[in-house]
Amino acid sequence: MKHFQMDAQVAMSFAVSQASRINATVYQTRYPAIRYRGLVPVDTTGPEWVKSITYFSLDGVGQAEWMNAGADDVPRAELIRAKTETTVSMAAIGYGWNLEELAQAQMLGVDLAPRKGQAARRASEEFIDQVAFFGDVAKGFYGVTNQPGVTAGDVAAVGTGSSTEWANKTPGQILADVNAILSGVFVDSNTVELAGVLLLPYTQMHYLGTTLLNDNGAERTILSWLRENNVYTMETGQPLTIRAVRGLETAGDGGTARMVAYRNDEEVLRLNMPMPFRFFPVWQTGPFRYEVPGAFRIGGVDVSLPGAMRYADGI
């Protein structure tokens, strides 16, 4: 009977070759439920091991006035600049095998399944997604939905029983709430900023997407109607981007449901990630254990133009 033997050196060599194949596959995998990609600009510039990042938020002030040609006191526009320094921290997640798994795979001539690597990568994306939208209290990070410098307020209490909740409002009243938050960004920025992204809680998103606009047989939902009939579309001719984000159900003041409007541009906001997630070389962590560590370094979301964002609660 032929015996199969695998020593530490052979196991390490096989583990390295399998990790290289698996890691290449994992990096190509897409995760459709991860929402931050496409909704939050990611800044990967700068040294990977930087400890902090300094950024400046700007707001322009000044107003033109009627002027005599001989006057020498011309009004000036000024920039109010606030300096903020945010830290960067490291998070990690990896995967591994034991000697038995490696030996059996080599003995049978089969590749190790990439599922462990995919699970690690998925865990890193979910972690980043949470930081991108909600920050991290322990680290002092803020996300897209809870920036302290962004204007927030309740929607109008005009629903049934003076309710602010969309489930108790007509389609017209819901549209008024959406246009109020979009107009707030537009007007408060002196008609400079246009918020083209609207984030909603899943409950409200599902309500809009499953409720017909009226009872007259028109098979059109409130959501499809909102995408076209809003201030942003009126000004730009482009449909408003509306996405659902899990966790917004209680993100507002007093634990109420919050919607978020903003211009999706790195000039306005960005997620600092000087070291994107990557796997490091295989190492032996015990007599029968081989691991592939993965890590990334991330800060919170920095908002340089808070006037290009707005929150509305109570929906």
C-alpha atoms as a PDB file:
ATOM      1  CA  MET A   1       0.000   0.000   0.000  1.00  0.00           C
ATOM      2  CA  LYS A   2       1.398   3.382  -1.012  1.00  0.00           C
ATOM      3  CA  HIS A   3       1.663   5.968   1.755  1.00  0.00           C
ATOM      4  CA  PHE A   4       1.347   9.691   1.182  1.00  0.00           C
ATOM      5  CA  GLN A   5       3.480  11.925   3.363  1.00  0.00           C
ATOM      6  CA  MET A   6       3.493  15.721   3.563  1.00  0.00           C
ATOM      7  CA  ASP A   7       6.158  17.509   5.556  1.00  0.00           C
ATOM      8  CA  ALA A   8       6.137  21.175   6.576  1.00  0.00           C
ATOM      9  CA  GLN A   9       8.162  22.330   3.572  1.00  0.00           C
ATOM     10  CA  VAL A  10       5.914  20.572   1.059  1.00  0.00           C
ATOM     11  CA  ALA A  11       2.809  21.844   2.860  1.00  0.00           C
ATOM     12  CA  MET A  12       4.078  25.415   2.787  1.00  0.00           C
ATOM     13  CA  SER A  13       4.913  25.208  -0.908  1.00  0.00           C
ATOM     14  CA  PHE A  14       1.458  23.843  -1.721  1.00  0.00           C
ATOM     15  CA  ALA A  15      -0.234  26.419   0.536  1.00  0.00           C
ATOM     16  CA  VAL A  16       1.581  29.288  -1.201  1.00  0.00           C
ATOM     17  CA  SER A  17       0.609  28.073  -4.672  1.00  0.00           C
ATOM     18  CA  GLN A  18      -3.024  27.617  -3.635  1.00  0.00           C
ATOM     19  CA  ALA A  19      -3.167  31.011  -1.935  1.00  0.00           C
ATOM     20  CA  SER A  20      -1.842  32.750  -5.057  1.00  0.00           C
ATOM     21  CA  ARG A  21      -4.537  31.135  -7.190  1.00  0.00           C
ATOM     22  CA  ILE A  22      -7.326  31.794  -4.693  1.00  0.00           C
ATOM     23  CA  ASN A  23      -6.347  35.403  -4.013  1.00  0.00           C
ATOM     24  CA  ALA A  24      -6.350  36.225  -7.731  1.00  0.00           C
ATOM     25  CA  THR A  25      -9.859  34.778  -7.981  1.00  0.00           C
ATOM     26  CA  VAL A  26     -11.124  36.579  -4.887  1.00  0.00           C
ATOM     27  CA  TYR A  27     -10.025  40.025  -6.057  1.00  0.00           C
ATOM     28  CA  GLN A  28     -12.165  39.603  -9.183  1.00  0.00           C
ATOM     29  CA  THR A  29     -15.326  38.755  -7.252  1.00  0.00           C
ATOM     30  CA  ARG A  30     -18.119  41.336  -7.144  1.00  0.00           C
ATOM     31  CA  TYR A  31     -20.434  41.785  -4.174  1.00  0.00           C
ATOM     32  CA  PRO A  32     -23.704  43.381  -5.321  1.00  0.00           C
ATOM     33  CA  ALA A  33     -25.086  44.029  -1.807  1.00  0.00           C
ATOM     34  CA  ILE A  34     -22.091  46.241  -0.938  1.00  0.00           C
ATOM     35  CA  ARG A  35     -23.334  49.791  -1.466  1.00  0.00           C
ATOM     36  CA  TYR A  36     -20.417  52.134  -0.814  1.00  0.00           C
ATOM     37  CA  ARG A  37     -18.803  51.507  -4.195  1.00  0.00           C
ATOM     38  CA  GLY A  38     -20.318  53.994  -6.607  1.00  0.00           C
ATOM     39  CA  LEU A  39     -21.956  56.014  -3.838  1.00  0.00           C
ATOM     40  CA  VAL A  40     -18.875  57.180  -1.919  1.00  0.00           C
ATOM     41  CA  PRO A  41     -15.665  58.307  -3.672  1.00  0.00           C
ATOM     42  CA  VAL A  42     -12.709  56.349  -2.275  1.00  0.00           C
ATOM     43  CA  ASP A  43      -9.337  58.064  -1.847  1.00  0.00           C
ATOM     44  CA  THR A  44      -6.470  55.562  -1.971  1.00  0.00           C
ATOM     45  CA  THR A  45      -3.709  58.134  -2.430  1.00  0.00           C
ATOM     46  CA  GLY A  46      -0.993  58.753   0.113  1.00  0.00           C
ATOM     47  CA  PRO A  47       1.383  56.445   1.986  1.00  0.00           C
ATOM     48  CA  GLU A  48      -0.186  53.138   3.028  1.00  0.00           C
ATOM     49  CA  TRP A  49       1.033  53.437   6.619  1.00  0.00           C
ATOM     50  CA  VAL A  50       0.160  57.095   7.211  1.00  0.00           C
ATOM     51  CA  LYS A  51      -1.230  57.693  10.724  1.00  0.00           C
ATOM     52  CA  SER A  52      -3.569  60.586   9.940  1.00  0.00           C
ATOM     53  CA  ILE A  53      -4.948  62.654   7.080  1.00  0.00           C
ATOM     54  CA  THR A  54      -5.517  66.406   7.144  1.00  0.00           C
ATOM     55  CA  TYR A  55      -8.247  67.977   5.029  1.00  0.00           C
ATOM     56  CA  PHE A  56      -9.960  71.345   4.795  1.00  0.00           C
ATOM     57  CA  SER A  57     -13.671  72.096   4.515  1.00  0.00           C
ATOM     58  CA  LEU A  58     -14.494  75.276   2.612  1.00  0.00           C
ATOM     59  CA  ASP A  59     -17.453  77.622   2.466  1.00  0.00           C
ATOM     60  CA  GLY A  60     -17.566  80.763   0.369  1.00  0.00           C
ATOM     61  CA  VAL A  61     -19.090  84.018   1.663  1.00  0.00           C
ATOM     62  CA  GLY A  62     -19.556  87.378   0.029  1.00  0.00           C
ATOM     63  CA  GLN A  63     -22.117  89.341  -1.945  1.00  0.00           C
ATOM     64  CA  ALA A  64     -21.855  91.745  -4.854  1.00  0.00           C
ATOM     65  CA  GLU A  65     -23.136  95.302  -4.310  1.00  0.00           C
ATOM     66  CA  TRP A  66     -23.856  98.312  -6.453  1.00  0.00           C
ATOM     67  CA  MET A  67     -20.658 100.334  -6.751  1.00  0.00           C
ATOM     68  CA  ASN A  68     -19.576 103.820  -7.792  1.00  0.00           C
ATOM     69  CA  ALA A  69     -16.719 103.811 -10.312  1.00  0.00           C
ATOM     70  CA  GLY A  70     -14.674 106.056  -8.034  1.00  0.00           C
ATOM     71  CA  ALA A  71     -15.089 103.929  -4.939  1.00  0.00           C
ATOM     72  CA  ASP A  72     -12.182 102.012  -3.445  1.00  0.00           C
ATOM     73  CA  ASP A  73     -14.041  99.720  -1.017  1.00  0.00           C
ATOM     74  CA  VAL A  74     -14.928  96.877  -3.393  1.00  0.00           C
ATOM     75  CA  PRO A  75     -16.721  94.017  -1.603  1.00  0.00           C
ATOM     76  CA  ARG A  76     -14.670  90.848  -1.462  1.00  0.00           C
ATOM     77  CA  ALA A  77     -15.559  87.207  -1.510  1.00  0.00           C
ATOM     78  CA  GLU A  78     -13.869  85.167   1.178  1.00  0.00           C
ATOM     79  CA  LEU A  79     -13.403  81.498   1.939  1.00  0.00           C
ATOM     80  CA  ILE A  80     -14.103  80.180   5.413  1.00  0.00           C
ATOM     81  CA  ARG A  81     -11.733  77.275   5.803  1.00  0.00           C
ATOM     82  CA  ALA A  82     -11.846  74.733   8.641  1.00  0.00           C
ATOM     83  CA  LYS A  83      -8.958  72.343   9.183  1.00  0.00           C
ATOM     84  CA  THR A  84      -9.688  68.791  10.280  1.00  0.00           C
ATOM     85  CA  GLU A  85      -7.325  65.922  10.969  1.00  0.00           C
ATOM     86  CA  THR A  86      -8.643  62.377  10.887  1.00  0.00           C
ATOM     87  CA  THR A  87      -6.808  59.262  11.971  1.00  0.00           C
ATOM     88  CA  VAL A  88      -6.289  56.121   9.933  1.00  0.00           C
ATOM     89  CA  SER A  89      -6.571  52.664  11.484  1.00  0.00           C
ATOM     90  CA  MET A  90      -5.903  49.116  10.365  1.00  0.00           C
ATOM     91  CA  ALA A  91      -8.427  46.285  10.258  1.00  0.00           C
ATOM     92  CA  ALA A  92      -7.738  42.680   9.358  1.00  0.00           C
ATOM     93  CA  ILE A  93      -9.439  39.469   8.251  1.00  0.00           C
ATOM     94  CA  GLY A  94      -7.855  36.380   6.744  1.00  0.00           C
ATOM     95  CA  TYR A  95      -8.313  32.677   6.135  1.00  0.00           C
ATOM     96  CA  GLY A  96      -6.313  29.466   6.440  1.00  0.00           C
ATOM     97  CA  TRP A  97      -6.080  25.699   6.258  1.00  0.00           C
ATOM     98  CA  ASN A  98      -4.849  22.906   8.453  1.00  0.00           C
ATOM     99  CA  LEU A  99      -2.356  20.251   7.388  1.00  0.00           C
ATOM    100  CA  GLU A 100      -5.097  17.688   6.810  1.00  0.00           C
ATOM    101  CA  GLU A 101      -6.898  19.902   4.298  1.00  0.00           C
ATOM    102  CA  LEU A 102      -3.669  20.609   2.416  1.00  0.00           C
ATOM    103  CA  ALA A 103      -2.586  16.960   2.351  1.00  0.00           C
ATOM    104  CA  GLN A 104      -5.934  15.678   1.147  1.00  0.00           C
ATOM    105  CA  ALA A 105      -6.146  18.279  -1.607  1.00  0.00           C
ATOM    106  CA  GLN A 106      -2.637  17.500  -2.874  1.00  0.00           C
ATOM    107  CA  MET A 107      -3.155  13.754  -2.606  1.00  0.00           C
ATOM    108  CA  LEU A 108      -6.339  13.945  -4.701  1.00  0.00           C
ATOM    109  CA  GLY A 109      -4.826  16.456  -7.110  1.00  0.00           C
ATOM    110  CA  VAL A 110      -7.575  19.026  -6.577  1.00  0.00           C
ATOM    111  CA  ASP A 111      -7.457  22.741  -5.922  1.00  0.00           C
ATOM    112  CA  LEU A 112      -8.561  24.089  -2.604  1.00  0.00           C
ATOM    113  CA  ALA A 113     -11.890  25.879  -2.914  1.00  0.00           C
ATOM    114  CA  PRO A 114     -11.691  29.688  -2.809  1.00  0.00           C
ATOM    115  CA  ARG A 115     -14.670  29.954  -0.459  1.00  0.00           C
ATOM    116  CA  LYS A 116     -12.595  30.861   2.611  1.00  0.00           C
ATOM    117  CA  GLY A 117     -10.813  33.618   0.726  1.00  0.00           C
ATOM    118  CA  GLN A 118     -14.101  34.895  -0.650  1.00  0.00           C
ATOM    119  CA  ALA A 119     -15.590  34.911   2.853  1.00  0.00           C
ATOM    120  CA  ALA A 120     -12.632  36.960   4.124  1.00  0.00           C
ATOM    121  CA  ARG A 121     -12.905  39.419   1.269  1.00  0.00           C
ATOM    122  CA  ARG A 122     -16.649  39.700   1.766  1.00  0.00           C
ATOM    123  CA  ALA A 123     -16.133  40.415   5.467  1.00  0.00           C
ATOM    124  CA  SER A 124     -13.700  43.223   4.621  1.00  0.00           C
ATOM    125  CA  GLU A 125     -16.188  44.782   2.175  1.00  0.00           C
ATOM    126  CA  GLU A 126     -19.002  44.641   4.726  1.00  0.00           C
ATOM    127  CA  PHE A 127     -16.748  46.294   7.310  1.00  0.00           C
ATOM    128  CA  ILE A 128     -15.796  49.081   4.885  1.00  0.00           C
ATOM    129  CA  ASP A 129     -19.433  49.514   3.843  1.00  0.00           C
ATOM    130  CA  GLN A 130     -20.448  50.070   7.474  1.00  0.00           C
ATOM    131  CA  VAL A 131     -17.682  52.617   8.065  1.00  0.00           C
ATOM    132  CA  ALA A 132     -18.461  54.428   4.810  1.00  0.00           C
ATOM    133  CA  PHE A 133     -22.095  55.035   5.722  1.00  0.00           C
ATOM    134  CA  PHE A 134     -22.083  55.149   9.526  1.00  0.00           C
ATOM    135  CA  GLY A 135     -18.472  55.632  10.633  1.00  0.00           C
ATOM    136  CA  ASP A 136     -17.234  54.100  13.893  1.00  0.00           C
ATOM    137  CA  VAL A 137     -17.871  55.672  17.299  1.00  0.00           C
ATOM    138  CA  ALA A 138     -14.886  53.997  18.972  1.00  0.00           C
ATOM    139  CA  LYS A 139     -12.511  55.383  16.320  1.00  0.00           C
ATOM    140  CA  GLY A 140     -14.196  58.783  16.109  1.00  0.00           C
ATOM    141  CA  PHE A 141     -15.039  58.206  12.436  1.00  0.00           C
ATOM    142  CA  TYR A 142     -18.119  59.645  10.719  1.00  0.00           C
ATOM    143  CA  GLY A 143     -19.871  58.249   7.676  1.00  0.00           C
ATOM    144  CA  VAL A 144     -22.049  59.642   4.910  1.00  0.00           C
ATOM    145  CA  THR A 145     -25.185  59.523   7.046  1.00  0.00           C
ATOM    146  CA  ASN A 146     -24.037  61.213  10.282  1.00  0.00           C
ATOM    147  CA  GLN A 147     -21.677  64.076   9.510  1.00  0.00           C
ATOM    148  CA  PRO A 148     -21.803  66.676  12.343  1.00  0.00           C
ATOM    149  CA  GLY A 149     -21.416  69.666  10.009  1.00  0.00           C
ATOM    150  CA  VAL A 150     -24.274  68.790   7.664  1.00  0.00           C
ATOM    151  CA  THR A 151     -27.661  70.532   8.012  1.00  0.00           C
ATOM    152  CA  ALA A 152     -30.388  68.233   9.330  1.00  0.00           C
ATOM    153  CA  GLY A 153     -34.076  68.752  10.034  1.00  0.00           C
ATOM    154  CA  ASP A 154     -37.440  67.025  10.140  1.00  0.00           C
ATOM    155  CA  VAL A 155     -39.692  66.694   7.101  1.00  0.00           C
ATOM    156  CA  ALA A 156     -43.051  68.464   7.137  1.00  0.00           C
ATOM    157  CA  ALA A 157     -45.701  67.062   9.498  1.00  0.00           C
ATOM    158  CA  VAL A 158     -48.531  67.166   6.961  1.00  0.00           C
ATOM    159  CA  GLY A 159     -49.489  63.494   6.749  1.00  0.00           C
ATOM    160  CA  THR A 160     -52.542  61.880   8.271  1.00  0.00           C
ATOM    161  CA  GLY A 161     -52.767  62.929  11.919  1.00  0.00           C
ATOM    162  CA  SER A 162     -49.961  65.472  11.380  1.00  0.00           C
ATOM    163  CA  SER A 163     -47.565  62.604  10.724  1.00  0.00           C
ATOM    164  CA  THR A 164     -44.138  63.039   9.135  1.00  0.00           C
ATOM    165  CA  GLU A 165     -43.932  59.398   8.006  1.00  0.00           C
ATOM    166  CA  TRP A 166     -44.261  58.612   4.323  1.00  0.00           C
ATOM    167  CA  ALA A 167     -46.614  55.700   4.963  1.00  0.00           C
ATOM    168  CA  ASN A 168     -49.134  58.336   6.103  1.00  0.00           C
ATOM    169  CA  LYS A 169     -48.552  60.788   3.268  1.00  0.00           C
ATOM    170  CA  THR A 170     -49.847  61.199  -0.268  1.00  0.00           C
ATOM    171  CA  PRO A 171     -47.488  60.858  -3.260  1.00  0.00           C
ATOM    172  CA  GLY A 172     -47.586  64.643  -3.638  1.00  0.00           C
ATOM    173  CA  GLN A 173     -46.547  65.169  -0.025  1.00  0.00           C
ATOM    174  CA  ILE A 174     -43.715  62.663  -0.390  1.00  0.00           C
ATOM    175  CA  LEU A 175     -42.526  64.451  -3.528  1.00  0.00           C
ATOM    176  CA  ALA A 176     -42.615  67.727  -1.591  1.00  0.00           C
ATOM    177  CA  ASP A 177     -40.332  66.194   1.076  1.00  0.00           C
ATOM    178  CA  VAL A 178     -37.853  65.015  -1.567  1.00  0.00           C
ATOM    179  CA  ASN A 179     -37.841  68.353  -3.359  1.00  0.00           C
ATOM    180  CA  ALA A 180     -37.448  70.165  -0.028  1.00  0.00           C
ATOM    181  CA  ILE A 181     -34.186  68.375   0.766  1.00  0.00           C
ATOM    182  CA  LEU A 182     -32.889  68.821  -2.789  1.00  0.00           C
ATOM    183  CA  SER A 183     -33.915  72.484  -2.882  1.00  0.00           C
ATOM    184  CA  GLY A 184     -32.313  73.011   0.519  1.00  0.00           C
ATOM    185  CA  VAL A 185     -28.921  72.012  -0.879  1.00  0.00           C
ATOM    186  CA  PHE A 186     -29.470  74.126  -3.999  1.00  0.00           C
ATOM    187  CA  VAL A 187     -30.690  77.286  -2.263  1.00  0.00           C
ATOM    188  CA  ASP A 188     -28.356  77.218   0.748  1.00  0.00           C
ATOM    189  CA  SER A 189     -25.329  76.909  -1.561  1.00  0.00           C
ATOM    190  CA  ASN A 190     -26.463  80.006  -3.476  1.00  0.00           C
ATOM    191  CA  THR A 191     -27.681  77.725  -6.326  1.00  0.00           C
ATOM    192  CA  VAL A 192     -24.187  76.245  -6.787  1.00  0.00           C
ATOM    193  CA  GLU A 193     -24.667  72.701  -5.497  1.00  0.00           C
ATOM    194  CA  LEU A 194     -27.056  70.115  -6.913  1.00  0.00           C
ATOM    195  CA  ALA A 195     -27.599  66.916  -4.963  1.00  0.00           C
ATOM    196  CA  GLY A 196     -27.971  64.055  -7.434  1.00  0.00           C
ATOM    197  CA  VAL A 197     -28.015  61.176  -4.938  1.00  0.00           C
ATOM    198  CA  LEU A 198     -30.798  60.357  -2.493  1.00  0.00           C
ATOM    199  CA  LEU A 199     -30.278  57.610   0.107  1.00  0.00           C
ATOM    200  CA  LEU A 200     -33.335  56.078   1.764  1.00  0.00           C
ATOM    201  CA  PRO A 201     -34.040  53.431   4.395  1.00  0.00           C
ATOM    202  CA  TYR A 202     -35.042  50.054   2.929  1.00  0.00           C
ATOM    203  CA  THR A 203     -38.535  50.267   4.455  1.00  0.00           C
ATOM    204  CA  GLN A 204     -39.303  53.574   2.738  1.00  0.00           C
ATOM    205  CA  MET A 205     -37.620  52.459  -0.487  1.00  0.00           C
ATOM    206  CA  HIS A 206     -39.757  49.322  -0.649  1.00  0.00           C
ATOM    207  CA  TYR A 207     -42.888  51.339   0.102  1.00  0.00           C
ATOM    208  CA  LEU A 208     -42.189  53.732  -2.767  1.00  0.00           C
ATOM    209  CA  GLY A 209     -41.281  50.905  -5.125  1.00  0.00           C
ATOM    210  CA  THR A 210     -44.407  48.836  -4.436  1.00  0.00           C
ATOM    211  CA  THR A 211     -47.054  51.536  -4.056  1.00  0.00           C
ATOM    212  CA  LEU A 212     -48.867  52.721  -7.157  1.00  0.00           C
ATOM    213  CA  LEU A 213     -48.987  56.424  -7.834  1.00  0.00           C
ATOM    214  CA  ASN A 214     -52.784  56.462  -7.850  1.00  0.00           C
ATOM    215  CA  ASP A 215     -55.828  54.204  -7.848  1.00  0.00           C
ATOM    216  CA  ASN A 216     -56.885  55.032 -11.398  1.00  0.00           C
ATOM    217  CA  GLY A 217     -55.262  51.999 -12.985  1.00  0.00           C
ATOM    218  CA  ALA A 218     -51.961  53.714 -13.805  1.00  0.00           C
ATOM    219  CA  GLU A 219     -49.329  51.020 -13.286  1.00  0.00           C
ATOM    220  CA  ARG A 220     -46.634  53.379 -12.145  1.00  0.00           C
ATOM    221  CA  THR A 221     -45.066  53.410  -8.708  1.00  0.00           C
ATOM    222  CA  ILE A 222     -44.293  56.433  -6.582  1.00  0.00           C
ATOM    223  CA  LEU A 223     -40.580  55.584  -6.917  1.00  0.00           C
ATOM    224  CA  SER A 224     -40.503  55.661 -10.717  1.00  0.00           C
ATOM    225  CA  TRP A 225     -42.422  58.929 -10.655  1.00  0.00           C
ATOM    226  CA  LEU A 226     -40.022  60.463  -8.123  1.00  0.00           C
ATOM    227  CA  ARG A 227     -36.971  59.644 -10.243  1.00  0.00           C
ATOM    228  CA  GLU A 228     -38.244  61.957 -12.970  1.00  0.00           C
ATOM    229  CA  ASN A 229     -40.234  64.612 -11.122  1.00  0.00           C
ATOM    230  CA  ASN A 230     -37.751  66.302  -8.827  1.00  0.00           C
ATOM    231  CA  VAL A 231     -35.659  69.454  -8.623  1.00  0.00           C
ATOM    232  CA  TYR A 232     -32.415  67.731  -9.656  1.00  0.00           C
ATOM    233  CA  THR A 233     -33.917  66.252 -12.820  1.00  0.00           C
ATOM    234  CA  MET A 234     -35.637  69.535 -13.629  1.00  0.00           C
ATOM    235  CA  GLU A 235     -32.298  71.390 -13.461  1.00  0.00           C
ATOM    236  CA  THR A 236     -30.040  68.813 -15.122  1.00  0.00           C
ATOM    237  CA  GLY A 237     -32.256  66.599 -17.252  1.00  0.00           C
ATOM    238  CA  GLN A 238     -30.715  63.568 -15.498  1.00  0.00           C
ATOM    239  CA  PRO A 239     -32.617  61.056 -13.345  1.00  0.00           C
ATOM    240  CA  LEU A 240     -32.126  61.301  -9.604  1.00  0.00           C
ATOM    241  CA  THR A 241     -30.080  58.385  -8.224  1.00  0.00           C
ATOM    242  CA  ILE A 242     -32.107  56.792  -5.412  1.00  0.00           C
ATOM    243  CA  ARG A 243     -30.563  53.970  -3.385  1.00  0.00           C
ATOM    244  CA  ALA A 244     -31.514  52.125  -0.211  1.00  0.00           C
ATOM    245  CA  VAL A 245     -29.042  51.820   2.654  1.00  0.00           C
ATOM    246  CA  ARG A 246     -29.615  49.455   5.538  1.00  0.00           C
ATOM    247  CA  GLY A 247     -29.462  51.258   8.880  1.00  0.00           C
ATOM    248  CA  LEU A 248     -31.085  54.528   7.844  1.00  0.00           C
ATOM    249  CA  GLU A 249     -34.327  53.391   9.528  1.00  0.00           C
ATOM    250  CA  THR A 250     -32.970  54.685  12.854  1.00  0.00           C
ATOM    251  CA  ALA A 251     -30.181  57.073  11.749  1.00  0.00           C
ATOM    252  CA  GLY A 252     -32.176  60.284  12.266  1.00  0.00           C
ATOM    253  CA  ASP A 253     -32.553  62.456  15.337  1.00  0.00           C
ATOM    254  CA  GLY A 254     -34.239  60.495  18.115  1.00  0.00           C
ATOM    255  CA  GLY A 255     -33.859  57.210  16.229  1.00  0.00           C
ATOM    256  CA  THR A 256     -36.161  58.254  13.376  1.00  0.00           C
ATOM    257  CA  ALA A 257     -35.816  57.322   9.715  1.00  0.00           C
ATOM    258  CA  ARG A 258     -33.417  59.548   7.774  1.00  0.00           C
ATOM    259  CA  MET A 259     -32.939  60.361   4.089  1.00  0.00           C
ATOM    260  CA  VAL A 260     -29.670  61.776   2.795  1.00  0.00           C
ATOM    261  CA  ALA A 261     -29.077  63.974  -0.245  1.00  0.00           C
ATOM    262  CA  TYR A 262     -25.665  64.941  -1.616  1.00  0.00           C
ATOM    263  CA  ARG A 263     -23.540  65.571  -4.676  1.00  0.00           C
ATOM    264  CA  ASN A 264     -21.511  62.444  -5.312  1.00  0.00           C
ATOM    265  CA  ASP A 265     -18.089  63.884  -6.037  1.00  0.00           C
ATOM    266  CA  GLU A 266     -14.695  63.616  -4.324  1.00  0.00           C
ATOM    267  CA  GLU A 267     -14.706  67.399  -4.115  1.00  0.00           C
ATOM    268  CA  VAL A 268     -17.599  67.013  -1.659  1.00  0.00           C
ATOM    269  CA  LEU A 269     -16.819  63.795   0.226  1.00  0.00           C
ATOM    270  CA  ARG A 270     -14.405  60.895   0.212  1.00  0.00           C
ATOM    271  CA  LEU A 271     -13.632  57.741   2.119  1.00  0.00           C
ATOM    272  CA  ASN A 272      -9.966  57.596   3.109  1.00  0.00           C
ATOM    273  CA  MET A 273      -8.418  54.208   2.390  1.00  0.00           C
ATOM    274  CA  PRO A 274      -4.651  54.612   1.929  1.00  0.00           C
ATOM    275  CA  MET A 275      -4.243  50.825   2.006  1.00  0.00           C
ATOM    276  CA  PRO A 276      -7.014  48.954   0.167  1.00  0.00           C
ATOM    277  CA  PHE A 277      -7.667  45.404   1.311  1.00  0.00           C
ATOM    278  CA  ARG A 278      -4.989  42.918   0.335  1.00  0.00           C
ATOM    279  CA  PHE A 279      -3.765  39.478   1.324  1.00  0.00           C
ATOM    280  CA  PHE A 280      -0.295  39.020   2.768  1.00  0.00           C
ATOM    281  CA  PRO A 281       2.022  36.008   2.328  1.00  0.00           C
ATOM    282  CA  VAL A 282       1.102  32.645   3.800  1.00  0.00           C
ATOM    283  CA  TRP A 283       2.666  31.873   7.156  1.00  0.00           C
ATOM    284  CA  GLN A 284       2.666  28.871   9.443  1.00  0.00           C
ATOM    285  CA  THR A 285       0.873  29.686  12.690  1.00  0.00           C
ATOM    286  CA  GLY A 286       1.276  26.311  14.360  1.00  0.00           C
ATOM    287  CA  PRO A 287       2.488  22.762  13.752  1.00  0.00           C
ATOM    288  CA  PHE A 288      -0.576  21.970  11.599  1.00  0.00           C
ATOM    289  CA  ARG A 289      -1.917  25.381  10.642  1.00  0.00           C
ATOM    290  CA  TYR A 290      -1.224  27.722   7.693  1.00  0.00           C
ATOM    291  CA  GLU A 291      -2.883  31.120   7.401  1.00  0.00           C
ATOM    292  CA  VAL A 292      -3.254  33.879   4.809  1.00  0.00           C
ATOM    293  CA  PRO A 293      -3.696  37.199   6.636  1.00  0.00           C
ATOM    294  CA  GLY A 294      -5.536  40.054   4.983  1.00  0.00           C
ATOM    295  CA  ALA A 295      -5.607  43.687   6.061  1.00  0.00           C
ATOM    296  CA  PHE A 296      -6.578  47.212   5.052  1.00  0.00           C
ATOM    297  CA  ARG A 297      -6.142  50.692   6.510  1.00  0.00           C
ATOM    298  CA  ILE A 298      -9.057  53.079   6.565  1.00  0.00           C
ATOM    299  CA  GLY A 299     -10.253  56.368   8.004  1.00  0.00           C
ATOM    300  CA  GLY A 300     -13.753  57.798   8.102  1.00  0.00           C
ATOM    301  CA  VAL A 301     -15.574  59.801   5.457  1.00  0.00           C
ATOM    302  CA  ASP A 302     -14.314  63.370   5.148  1.00  0.00           C
ATOM    303  CA  VAL A 303     -16.740  66.022   3.900  1.00  0.00           C
ATOM    304  CA  SER A 304     -15.007  69.053   2.401  1.00  0.00           C
ATOM    305  CA  LEU A 305     -18.195  70.817   1.259  1.00  0.00           C
ATOM    306  CA  PRO A 306     -20.903  70.215   3.890  1.00  0.00           C
ATOM    307  CA  GLY A 307     -23.231  72.560   2.033  1.00  0.00           C
ATOM    308  CA  ALA A 308     -23.479  69.963  -0.734  1.00  0.00           C
ATOM    309  CA  MET A 309     -25.162  67.501   1.658  1.00  0.00           C
ATOM    310  CA  ARG A 310     -28.357  67.517   3.682  1.00  0.00           C
ATOM    311  CA  TYR A 311     -30.329  65.240   6.036  1.00  0.00           C
ATOM    312  CA  ALA A 312     -34.109  65.002   6.500  1.00  0.00           C
ATOM    313  CA  ASP A 313     -35.570  62.965   9.367  1.00  0.00           C
ATOM    314  CA  GLY A 314     -38.902  61.449  10.292  1.00  0.00           C
ATOM    315  CA  ILE A 315     -39.815  59.931   6.939  1.00  0.00           C
END
